[in-house]
């Protein structure tokens, strides 16, 4: 697939160390079934009835290439970003146009930050294995509370009624936004096939958009039935961001950009954020 680029901007600086060790650690620590990027993309491609979308890049913005992006939220020109890794996790307020980090809150070393969403002026951030959920004031990033969270934390979004979370499997959980009690579980499938490694989430116009970890794919999910109703292949963006042997620097960051009904996407340690609009590709 070829991405169409309409404009471009800058790059940044350096890349963190311990890439191989971290990669092996992440791979060994998650319990998901094998689902290679090629096999999943091939599976979707063979389903001519499933809408396939191509990215058209409208603009690019600078992004700190040391940020291990785990979650992304956009609001009124500001990006809120959850950045992971033990000893390096943080919540950031970033000026989209310049990539400047306006404010940053660091988490304690024992926490590995994961997904992020916005709920009525409150930023909600997950941790990976420590079973904690953090709430912050959107305007000041002041920590409001830390709650026990009974699952492994990956992605999180908000549909106006429930927090929706992922844990790296094919299951999404709908939770009470305050008590975190389970309301229902949703199995995500496509033609009977489980779609696993669901990670970063974004709720957009009545659908759930989910990045499939370690792939360049974003799946669009019906929140009632759990069926995949469309998919986006962003491999062309990953090619531009590919760095030697750093296989964990994958797509991981989806934010809704309401001006023009577009998306902002990035990845772990990527030097750019891409503003994209989607164009459906007609089946051959």
C-alpha atoms as a PDB file:
ATOM      1  CA  UNK A   1       0.000   0.000   0.000  1.00  0.00           C
ATOM      2  CA  UNK A   2       1.183   3.510  -0.798  1.00  0.00           C
ATOM      3  CA  UNK A   3       0.447   6.436   1.479  1.00  0.00           C
ATOM      4  CA  UNK A   4      -0.129   9.803  -0.144  1.00  0.00           C
ATOM      5  CA  UNK A   5       1.792  12.645   1.503  1.00  0.00           C
ATOM      6  CA  UNK A   6       0.605  16.201   1.117  1.00  0.00           C
ATOM      7  CA  UNK A   7       3.059  17.912   3.476  1.00  0.00           C
ATOM      8  CA  UNK A   8       5.895  17.137   5.837  1.00  0.00           C
ATOM      9  CA  UNK A   9       7.782  18.487   8.805  1.00  0.00           C
ATOM     10  CA  UNK A  10      10.806  17.906  10.969  1.00  0.00           C
ATOM     11  CA  UNK A  11      12.704  15.070  12.638  1.00  0.00           C
ATOM     12  CA  UNK A  12      14.307  14.897  16.097  1.00  0.00           C
ATOM     13  CA  UNK A  13      17.305  13.544  17.997  1.00  0.00           C
ATOM     14  CA  UNK A  14      18.385  10.348  19.653  1.00  0.00           C
ATOM     15  CA  UNK A  15      17.112   6.880  20.437  1.00  0.00           C
ATOM     16  CA  UNK A  16      17.150   5.059  23.754  1.00  0.00           C
ATOM     17  CA  UNK A  17      19.382   2.106  24.598  1.00  0.00           C
ATOM     18  CA  UNK A  18      18.620  -1.460  25.676  1.00  0.00           C
ATOM     19  CA  UNK A  19      16.433  -2.039  22.619  1.00  0.00           C
ATOM     20  CA  UNK A  20      17.083  -5.749  22.211  1.00  0.00           C
ATOM     21  CA  UNK A  21      16.776  -6.560  25.910  1.00  0.00           C
ATOM     22  CA  UNK A  22      13.500  -4.667  26.195  1.00  0.00           C
ATOM     23  CA  UNK A  23      12.157  -6.272  23.047  1.00  0.00           C
ATOM     24  CA  UNK A  24      12.841  -9.779  24.325  1.00  0.00           C
ATOM     25  CA  UNK A  25      11.332  -8.878  27.678  1.00  0.00           C
ATOM     26  CA  UNK A  26       8.143  -7.536  26.141  1.00  0.00           C
ATOM     27  CA  UNK A  27       7.807 -10.524  23.843  1.00  0.00           C
ATOM     28  CA  UNK A  28       8.265 -13.031  26.640  1.00  0.00           C
ATOM     29  CA  UNK A  29       5.978 -11.239  29.053  1.00  0.00           C
ATOM     30  CA  UNK A  30       2.763 -10.932  27.047  1.00  0.00           C
ATOM     31  CA  UNK A  31       0.495 -13.936  26.662  1.00  0.00           C
ATOM     32  CA  UNK A  32      -1.004 -13.662  23.221  1.00  0.00           C
ATOM     33  CA  UNK A  33      -1.243 -16.074  20.316  1.00  0.00           C
ATOM     34  CA  UNK A  34       0.857 -15.609  17.214  1.00  0.00           C
ATOM     35  CA  UNK A  35      -0.693 -13.256  14.700  1.00  0.00           C
ATOM     36  CA  UNK A  36       1.879 -11.975  12.237  1.00  0.00           C
ATOM     37  CA  UNK A  37       1.389  -8.659  10.419  1.00  0.00           C
ATOM     38  CA  UNK A  38       1.556 -10.379   7.034  1.00  0.00           C
ATOM     39  CA  UNK A  39      -0.932 -13.105   7.824  1.00  0.00           C
ATOM     40  CA  UNK A  40      -3.513 -10.749   9.286  1.00  0.00           C
ATOM     41  CA  UNK A  41      -3.197  -8.233   6.440  1.00  0.00           C
ATOM     42  CA  UNK A  42      -3.461 -11.089   3.959  1.00  0.00           C
ATOM     43  CA  UNK A  43      -6.545 -12.418   5.724  1.00  0.00           C
ATOM     44  CA  UNK A  44      -8.262  -9.027   5.563  1.00  0.00           C
ATOM     45  CA  UNK A  45      -7.200  -8.473   1.949  1.00  0.00           C
ATOM     46  CA  UNK A  46      -8.849 -11.723   0.899  1.00  0.00           C
ATOM     47  CA  UNK A  47     -12.160 -10.565   2.338  1.00  0.00           C
ATOM     48  CA  UNK A  48     -13.380  -8.340  -0.473  1.00  0.00           C
ATOM     49  CA  UNK A  49     -16.514  -7.425   1.483  1.00  0.00           C
ATOM     50  CA  UNK A  50     -14.532  -5.819   4.302  1.00  0.00           C
ATOM     51  CA  UNK A  51     -13.889  -2.106   3.715  1.00  0.00           C
ATOM     52  CA  UNK A  52     -10.193  -1.292   3.413  1.00  0.00           C
ATOM     53  CA  UNK A  53      -8.897   2.231   3.929  1.00  0.00           C
ATOM     54  CA  UNK A  54      -5.846   4.012   2.622  1.00  0.00           C
ATOM     55  CA  UNK A  55      -4.155   6.810   4.532  1.00  0.00           C
ATOM     56  CA  UNK A  56      -3.691  10.192   2.928  1.00  0.00           C
ATOM     57  CA  UNK A  57      -1.216  12.233   4.959  1.00  0.00           C
ATOM     58  CA  UNK A  58      -2.481  15.780   5.336  1.00  0.00           C
ATOM     59  CA  UNK A  59       0.282  17.032   7.644  1.00  0.00           C
ATOM     60  CA  UNK A  60       3.140  15.823   9.812  1.00  0.00           C
ATOM     61  CA  UNK A  61       4.262  17.188  13.168  1.00  0.00           C
ATOM     62  CA  UNK A  62       7.392  16.718  15.265  1.00  0.00           C
ATOM     63  CA  UNK A  63       7.311  13.985  17.891  1.00  0.00           C
ATOM     64  CA  UNK A  64       9.876  13.233  20.578  1.00  0.00           C
ATOM     65  CA  UNK A  65      11.651  10.069  19.343  1.00  0.00           C
ATOM     66  CA  UNK A  66      12.541   9.076  22.898  1.00  0.00           C
ATOM     67  CA  UNK A  67       8.862   8.712  23.787  1.00  0.00           C
ATOM     68  CA  UNK A  68       7.681   5.097  23.978  1.00  0.00           C
ATOM     69  CA  UNK A  69       4.141   6.059  22.990  1.00  0.00           C
ATOM     70  CA  UNK A  70       1.381   4.019  24.621  1.00  0.00           C
ATOM     71  CA  UNK A  71      -1.678   6.253  24.434  1.00  0.00           C
ATOM     72  CA  UNK A  72      -2.681   9.441  22.636  1.00  0.00           C
ATOM     73  CA  UNK A  73      -5.490  11.976  23.103  1.00  0.00           C
ATOM     74  CA  UNK A  74      -6.069  15.219  21.188  1.00  0.00           C
ATOM     75  CA  UNK A  75      -8.041  18.234  22.368  1.00  0.00           C
ATOM     76  CA  UNK A  76      -8.002  21.818  21.050  1.00  0.00           C
ATOM     77  CA  UNK A  77      -4.484  21.868  19.637  1.00  0.00           C
ATOM     78  CA  UNK A  78      -2.987  19.905  22.523  1.00  0.00           C
ATOM     79  CA  UNK A  79      -1.869  16.285  22.587  1.00  0.00           C
ATOM     80  CA  UNK A  80      -1.926  14.296  25.790  1.00  0.00           C
ATOM     81  CA  UNK A  81       0.466  11.383  25.578  1.00  0.00           C
ATOM     82  CA  UNK A  82       1.144   8.384  27.784  1.00  0.00           C
ATOM     83  CA  UNK A  83       4.749   7.226  27.420  1.00  0.00           C
ATOM     84  CA  UNK A  84       5.852   3.848  28.769  1.00  0.00           C
ATOM     85  CA  UNK A  85       8.828   1.789  30.010  1.00  0.00           C
ATOM     86  CA  UNK A  86       9.831   1.084  33.592  1.00  0.00           C
ATOM     87  CA  UNK A  87      11.707   4.025  35.046  1.00  0.00           C
ATOM     88  CA  UNK A  88      10.702   6.294  32.152  1.00  0.00           C
ATOM     89  CA  UNK A  89       6.898   6.330  32.166  1.00  0.00           C
ATOM     90  CA  UNK A  90       5.145   9.688  32.055  1.00  0.00           C
ATOM     91  CA  UNK A  91       2.054  11.653  31.156  1.00  0.00           C
ATOM     92  CA  UNK A  92       2.756  14.537  28.798  1.00  0.00           C
ATOM     93  CA  UNK A  93       0.954  17.613  27.556  1.00  0.00           C
ATOM     94  CA  UNK A  94       2.327  18.423  24.106  1.00  0.00           C
ATOM     95  CA  UNK A  95       1.776  21.277  21.660  1.00  0.00           C
ATOM     96  CA  UNK A  96       0.807  19.479  18.456  1.00  0.00           C
ATOM     97  CA  UNK A  97       2.164  22.029  15.984  1.00  0.00           C
ATOM     98  CA  UNK A  98       5.680  22.158  17.445  1.00  0.00           C
ATOM     99  CA  UNK A  99       6.029  18.907  19.381  1.00  0.00           C
ATOM    100  CA  UNK A 100       7.013  20.952  22.439  1.00  0.00           C
ATOM    101  CA  UNK A 101       6.360  19.193  25.752  1.00  0.00           C
ATOM    102  CA  UNK A 102       4.469  21.834  27.724  1.00  0.00           C
ATOM    103  CA  UNK A 103       4.161  19.791  30.900  1.00  0.00           C
ATOM    104  CA  UNK A 104       5.166  16.329  32.054  1.00  0.00           C
ATOM    105  CA  UNK A 105       4.366  14.163  35.045  1.00  0.00           C
ATOM    106  CA  UNK A 106       6.660  11.217  35.693  1.00  0.00           C
ATOM    107  CA  UNK A 107       5.330   7.989  37.172  1.00  0.00           C
ATOM    108  CA  UNK A 108       7.161   6.032  39.833  1.00  0.00           C
ATOM    109  CA  UNK A 109       9.723   3.588  38.505  1.00  0.00           C
ATOM    110  CA  UNK A 110       7.598   0.548  39.351  1.00  0.00           C
ATOM    111  CA  UNK A 111       4.884   1.605  36.892  1.00  0.00           C
ATOM    112  CA  UNK A 112       4.878   0.945  33.143  1.00  0.00           C
ATOM    113  CA  UNK A 113       2.413   3.435  31.634  1.00  0.00           C
ATOM    114  CA  UNK A 114      -0.031   2.242  28.988  1.00  0.00           C
ATOM    115  CA  UNK A 115      -3.262   3.564  27.428  1.00  0.00           C
ATOM    116  CA  UNK A 116      -4.800   7.010  27.937  1.00  0.00           C
ATOM    117  CA  UNK A 117      -8.240   8.545  27.474  1.00  0.00           C
ATOM    118  CA  UNK A 118     -10.172  11.695  28.377  1.00  0.00           C
ATOM    119  CA  UNK A 119     -13.321  11.568  30.491  1.00  0.00           C
ATOM    120  CA  UNK A 120     -15.135  14.820  31.309  1.00  0.00           C
ATOM    121  CA  UNK A 121     -12.015  16.880  31.951  1.00  0.00           C
ATOM    122  CA  UNK A 122     -10.149  14.004  33.573  1.00  0.00           C
ATOM    123  CA  UNK A 123      -7.306  12.099  31.953  1.00  0.00           C
ATOM    124  CA  UNK A 124      -7.398   8.384  32.714  1.00  0.00           C
ATOM    125  CA  UNK A 125      -4.173   6.381  32.336  1.00  0.00           C
ATOM    126  CA  UNK A 126      -3.550   2.645  32.695  1.00  0.00           C
ATOM    127  CA  UNK A 127      -0.450   0.836  33.893  1.00  0.00           C
ATOM    128  CA  UNK A 128       0.635  -2.453  32.344  1.00  0.00           C
ATOM    129  CA  UNK A 129       1.086  -5.146  34.998  1.00  0.00           C
ATOM    130  CA  UNK A 130       0.753  -3.309  38.306  1.00  0.00           C
ATOM    131  CA  UNK A 131      -3.074  -3.210  38.108  1.00  0.00           C
ATOM    132  CA  UNK A 132      -3.383   0.520  38.679  1.00  0.00           C
ATOM    133  CA  UNK A 133      -5.434   3.243  37.010  1.00  0.00           C
ATOM    134  CA  UNK A 134      -4.456   6.908  37.378  1.00  0.00           C
ATOM    135  CA  UNK A 135      -6.720   9.936  37.114  1.00  0.00           C
ATOM    136  CA  UNK A 136      -5.394  13.454  36.440  1.00  0.00           C
ATOM    137  CA  UNK A 137      -6.915  16.887  35.955  1.00  0.00           C
ATOM    138  CA  UNK A 138      -6.769  17.688  32.265  1.00  0.00           C
ATOM    139  CA  UNK A 139      -5.793  21.336  32.720  1.00  0.00           C
ATOM    140  CA  UNK A 140      -3.009  20.927  35.306  1.00  0.00           C
ATOM    141  CA  UNK A 141      -2.074  17.200  35.103  1.00  0.00           C
ATOM    142  CA  UNK A 142      -2.528  17.103  38.866  1.00  0.00           C
ATOM    143  CA  UNK A 143      -2.909  13.531  40.081  1.00  0.00           C
ATOM    144  CA  UNK A 144      -6.422  13.040  41.460  1.00  0.00           C
ATOM    145  CA  UNK A 145      -6.398   9.375  42.427  1.00  0.00           C
ATOM    146  CA  UNK A 146      -4.867   5.954  41.929  1.00  0.00           C
ATOM    147  CA  UNK A 147      -7.329   3.060  41.730  1.00  0.00           C
ATOM    148  CA  UNK A 148      -6.896  -0.673  41.703  1.00  0.00           C
ATOM    149  CA  UNK A 149      -7.565  -2.042  38.232  1.00  0.00           C
ATOM    150  CA  UNK A 150      -8.216  -5.807  38.070  1.00  0.00           C
ATOM    151  CA  UNK A 151      -6.745  -6.527  34.631  1.00  0.00           C
ATOM    152  CA  UNK A 152      -3.530  -6.172  32.681  1.00  0.00           C
ATOM    153  CA  UNK A 153      -3.569  -2.687  31.190  1.00  0.00           C
ATOM    154  CA  UNK A 154      -3.083  -2.066  27.462  1.00  0.00           C
ATOM    155  CA  UNK A 155      -5.419   0.355  25.670  1.00  0.00           C
ATOM    156  CA  UNK A 156      -8.292   2.472  26.954  1.00  0.00           C
ATOM    157  CA  UNK A 157     -10.968   4.745  25.487  1.00  0.00           C
ATOM    158  CA  UNK A 158     -14.321   6.260  26.519  1.00  0.00           C
ATOM    159  CA  UNK A 159     -17.605   6.008  24.619  1.00  0.00           C
ATOM    160  CA  UNK A 160     -19.540   8.535  26.710  1.00  0.00           C
ATOM    161  CA  UNK A 161     -20.894   5.881  29.060  1.00  0.00           C
ATOM    162  CA  UNK A 162     -18.175   3.318  29.685  1.00  0.00           C
ATOM    163  CA  UNK A 163     -14.435   2.999  29.775  1.00  0.00           C
ATOM    164  CA  UNK A 164     -13.425   0.445  27.141  1.00  0.00           C
ATOM    165  CA  UNK A 165     -10.148  -1.375  27.766  1.00  0.00           C
ATOM    166  CA  UNK A 166      -7.939  -3.984  26.119  1.00  0.00           C
ATOM    167  CA  UNK A 167      -5.464  -6.467  27.593  1.00  0.00           C
ATOM    168  CA  UNK A 168      -3.656  -7.770  24.508  1.00  0.00           C
ATOM    169  CA  UNK A 169      -6.201 -10.490  23.772  1.00  0.00           C
ATOM    170  CA  UNK A 170      -9.251 -10.380  21.480  1.00  0.00           C
ATOM    171  CA  UNK A 171     -11.463  -9.276  24.386  1.00  0.00           C
ATOM    172  CA  UNK A 172     -12.532  -5.692  25.080  1.00  0.00           C
ATOM    173  CA  UNK A 173     -14.064  -4.832  28.457  1.00  0.00           C
ATOM    174  CA  UNK A 174     -16.703  -2.189  29.101  1.00  0.00           C
ATOM    175  CA  UNK A 175     -16.311  -0.812  32.630  1.00  0.00           C
ATOM    176  CA  UNK A 176     -18.204   1.533  34.901  1.00  0.00           C
ATOM    177  CA  UNK A 177     -16.154   4.734  34.572  1.00  0.00           C
ATOM    178  CA  UNK A 178     -15.996   5.395  38.323  1.00  0.00           C
ATOM    179  CA  UNK A 179     -16.143   2.019  40.074  1.00  0.00           C
ATOM    180  CA  UNK A 180     -14.322   0.136  37.290  1.00  0.00           C
ATOM    181  CA  UNK A 181     -16.782  -2.724  37.706  1.00  0.00           C
ATOM    182  CA  UNK A 182     -17.267  -4.938  34.658  1.00  0.00           C
ATOM    183  CA  UNK A 183     -20.393  -4.148  32.611  1.00  0.00           C
ATOM    184  CA  UNK A 184     -19.753  -6.508  29.704  1.00  0.00           C
ATOM    185  CA  UNK A 185     -17.073  -8.182  27.624  1.00  0.00           C
ATOM    186  CA  UNK A 186     -16.855  -7.982  23.851  1.00  0.00           C
ATOM    187  CA  UNK A 187     -15.090 -10.622  21.754  1.00  0.00           C
ATOM    188  CA  UNK A 188     -13.585  -9.054  18.626  1.00  0.00           C
ATOM    189  CA  UNK A 189     -13.750 -11.243  15.528  1.00  0.00           C
ATOM    190  CA  UNK A 190     -13.725 -11.101  11.745  1.00  0.00           C
ATOM    191  CA  UNK A 191     -15.629 -13.842   9.977  1.00  0.00           C
ATOM    192  CA  UNK A 192     -15.291 -16.055  13.043  1.00  0.00           C
ATOM    193  CA  UNK A 193     -11.541 -15.430  13.443  1.00  0.00           C
ATOM    194  CA  UNK A 194     -10.409 -13.931  16.744  1.00  0.00           C
ATOM    195  CA  UNK A 195      -8.547 -10.648  16.284  1.00  0.00           C
ATOM    196  CA  UNK A 196      -5.945 -10.614  19.030  1.00  0.00           C
ATOM    197  CA  UNK A 197      -3.281  -8.199  20.302  1.00  0.00           C
ATOM    198  CA  UNK A 198      -5.792  -5.371  20.491  1.00  0.00           C
ATOM    199  CA  UNK A 199      -3.869  -2.472  21.970  1.00  0.00           C
ATOM    200  CA  UNK A 200      -4.308   1.313  21.634  1.00  0.00           C
ATOM    201  CA  UNK A 201      -8.002   2.248  21.426  1.00  0.00           C
ATOM    202  CA  UNK A 202      -9.975   5.254  20.229  1.00  0.00           C
ATOM    203  CA  UNK A 203     -13.763   5.626  20.125  1.00  0.00           C
ATOM    204  CA  UNK A 204     -14.758   7.564  16.992  1.00  0.00           C
ATOM    205  CA  UNK A 205     -18.252   8.239  15.656  1.00  0.00           C
ATOM    206  CA  UNK A 206     -19.803   5.148  17.215  1.00  0.00           C
ATOM    207  CA  UNK A 207     -16.972   2.728  16.351  1.00  0.00           C
ATOM    208  CA  UNK A 208     -13.898   1.470  18.197  1.00  0.00           C
ATOM    209  CA  UNK A 209     -10.574   1.891  16.430  1.00  0.00           C
ATOM    210  CA  UNK A 210      -7.888  -0.490  17.700  1.00  0.00           C
ATOM    211  CA  UNK A 211      -4.243  -0.808  16.794  1.00  0.00           C
ATOM    212  CA  UNK A 212      -3.185  -4.459  16.515  1.00  0.00           C
ATOM    213  CA  UNK A 213       0.111  -4.615  18.404  1.00  0.00           C
ATOM    214  CA  UNK A 214       3.227  -5.378  16.378  1.00  0.00           C
ATOM    215  CA  UNK A 215       1.371  -4.795  13.135  1.00  0.00           C
ATOM    216  CA  UNK A 216       0.743  -1.702  11.045  1.00  0.00           C
ATOM    217  CA  UNK A 217      -2.996  -2.359  11.123  1.00  0.00           C
ATOM    218  CA  UNK A 218      -5.859  -0.519  12.756  1.00  0.00           C
ATOM    219  CA  UNK A 219      -9.159  -2.373  12.903  1.00  0.00           C
ATOM    220  CA  UNK A 220     -12.551  -0.672  13.100  1.00  0.00           C
ATOM    221  CA  UNK A 221     -14.903  -2.544  15.439  1.00  0.00           C
ATOM    222  CA  UNK A 222     -18.664  -2.580  15.898  1.00  0.00           C
ATOM    223  CA  UNK A 223     -19.056  -1.961  19.668  1.00  0.00           C
ATOM    224  CA  UNK A 224     -22.224  -4.044  19.893  1.00  0.00           C
ATOM    225  CA  UNK A 225     -21.370  -7.166  17.906  1.00  0.00           C
ATOM    226  CA  UNK A 226     -17.564  -7.108  18.132  1.00  0.00           C
ATOM    227  CA  UNK A 227     -17.248  -7.687  14.394  1.00  0.00           C
ATOM    228  CA  UNK A 228     -14.500  -5.913  12.466  1.00  0.00           C
ATOM    229  CA  UNK A 229     -16.267  -3.615   9.994  1.00  0.00           C
ATOM    230  CA  UNK A 230     -13.189  -2.141   8.319  1.00  0.00           C
ATOM    231  CA  UNK A 231      -9.408  -1.961   8.488  1.00  0.00           C
ATOM    232  CA  UNK A 232      -6.603   0.511   7.852  1.00  0.00           C
ATOM    233  CA  UNK A 233      -3.121  -0.470   6.681  1.00  0.00           C
ATOM    234  CA  UNK A 234      -0.513   2.074   7.799  1.00  0.00           C
ATOM    235  CA  UNK A 235       2.594   0.105   6.832  1.00  0.00           C
ATOM    236  CA  UNK A 236       3.736   2.963   4.620  1.00  0.00           C
ATOM    237  CA  UNK A 237       4.135   5.148   7.713  1.00  0.00           C
ATOM    238  CA  UNK A 238       6.133   2.478   9.513  1.00  0.00           C
ATOM    239  CA  UNK A 239       8.493   2.223   6.550  1.00  0.00           C
ATOM    240  CA  UNK A 240       9.307   5.904   6.916  1.00  0.00           C
ATOM    241  CA  UNK A 241       9.951   5.450  10.629  1.00  0.00           C
ATOM    242  CA  UNK A 242      11.865   2.170  10.462  1.00  0.00           C
ATOM    243  CA  UNK A 243      15.152   2.174  12.322  1.00  0.00           C
ATOM    244  CA  UNK A 244      17.722  -0.614  12.167  1.00  0.00           C
ATOM    245  CA  UNK A 245      16.634  -3.725  14.078  1.00  0.00           C
ATOM    246  CA  UNK A 246      14.307  -1.823  16.391  1.00  0.00           C
ATOM    247  CA  UNK A 247      11.329  -4.060  15.868  1.00  0.00           C
ATOM    248  CA  UNK A 248       9.423  -2.799  18.903  1.00  0.00           C
ATOM    249  CA  UNK A 249       9.192   0.763  17.489  1.00  0.00           C
ATOM    250  CA  UNK A 250       5.809  -0.045  16.001  1.00  0.00           C
ATOM    251  CA  UNK A 251       2.625   1.862  15.351  1.00  0.00           C
ATOM    252  CA  UNK A 252       1.021   2.732  18.697  1.00  0.00           C
ATOM    253  CA  UNK A 253      -0.958   5.911  19.018  1.00  0.00           C
ATOM    254  CA  UNK A 254      -4.388   6.876  17.664  1.00  0.00           C
ATOM    255  CA  UNK A 255      -6.153  10.166  18.392  1.00  0.00           C
ATOM    256  CA  UNK A 256      -9.263  11.596  16.776  1.00  0.00           C
ATOM    257  CA  UNK A 257      -8.752  14.936  15.015  1.00  0.00           C
ATOM    258  CA  UNK A 258     -12.287  16.336  14.699  1.00  0.00           C
ATOM    259  CA  UNK A 259     -11.350  19.124  12.288  1.00  0.00           C
ATOM    260  CA  UNK A 260     -12.038  17.371   8.997  1.00  0.00           C
ATOM    261  CA  UNK A 261     -12.932  14.064  10.670  1.00  0.00           C
ATOM    262  CA  UNK A 262      -9.328  12.869  10.551  1.00  0.00           C
ATOM    263  CA  UNK A 263      -6.848  10.898  12.679  1.00  0.00           C
ATOM    264  CA  UNK A 264      -3.516  11.572  14.319  1.00  0.00           C
ATOM    265  CA  UNK A 265      -1.274   8.505  14.428  1.00  0.00           C
ATOM    266  CA  UNK A 266       2.247   7.804  15.630  1.00  0.00           C
ATOM    267  CA  UNK A 267       4.346   4.996  17.066  1.00  0.00           C
ATOM    268  CA  UNK A 268       6.784   4.098  19.792  1.00  0.00           C
ATOM    269  CA  UNK A 269       9.858   6.329  19.403  1.00  0.00           C
ATOM    270  CA  UNK A 270       8.649   7.710  16.100  1.00  0.00           C
ATOM    271  CA  UNK A 271       9.947  11.148  15.145  1.00  0.00           C
ATOM    272  CA  UNK A 272       6.656  12.235  13.579  1.00  0.00           C
ATOM    273  CA  UNK A 273       2.960  12.392  14.224  1.00  0.00           C
ATOM    274  CA  UNK A 274       0.898  11.952  11.072  1.00  0.00           C
ATOM    275  CA  UNK A 275      -2.391  13.703  10.468  1.00  0.00           C
ATOM    276  CA  UNK A 276      -4.293  11.491   8.067  1.00  0.00           C
ATOM    277  CA  UNK A 277      -7.625  11.213   6.351  1.00  0.00           C
ATOM    278  CA  UNK A 278      -8.981   7.905   5.161  1.00  0.00           C
ATOM    279  CA  UNK A 279     -10.020   6.927   1.666  1.00  0.00           C
ATOM    280  CA  UNK A 280     -11.804   3.661   1.057  1.00  0.00           C
ATOM    281  CA  UNK A 281     -10.162   1.439  -1.531  1.00  0.00           C
ATOM    282  CA  UNK A 282     -12.531  -0.268  -3.917  1.00  0.00           C
ATOM    283  CA  UNK A 283     -12.267  -4.037  -4.015  1.00  0.00           C
ATOM    284  CA  UNK A 284     -10.573  -5.418  -7.115  1.00  0.00           C
END
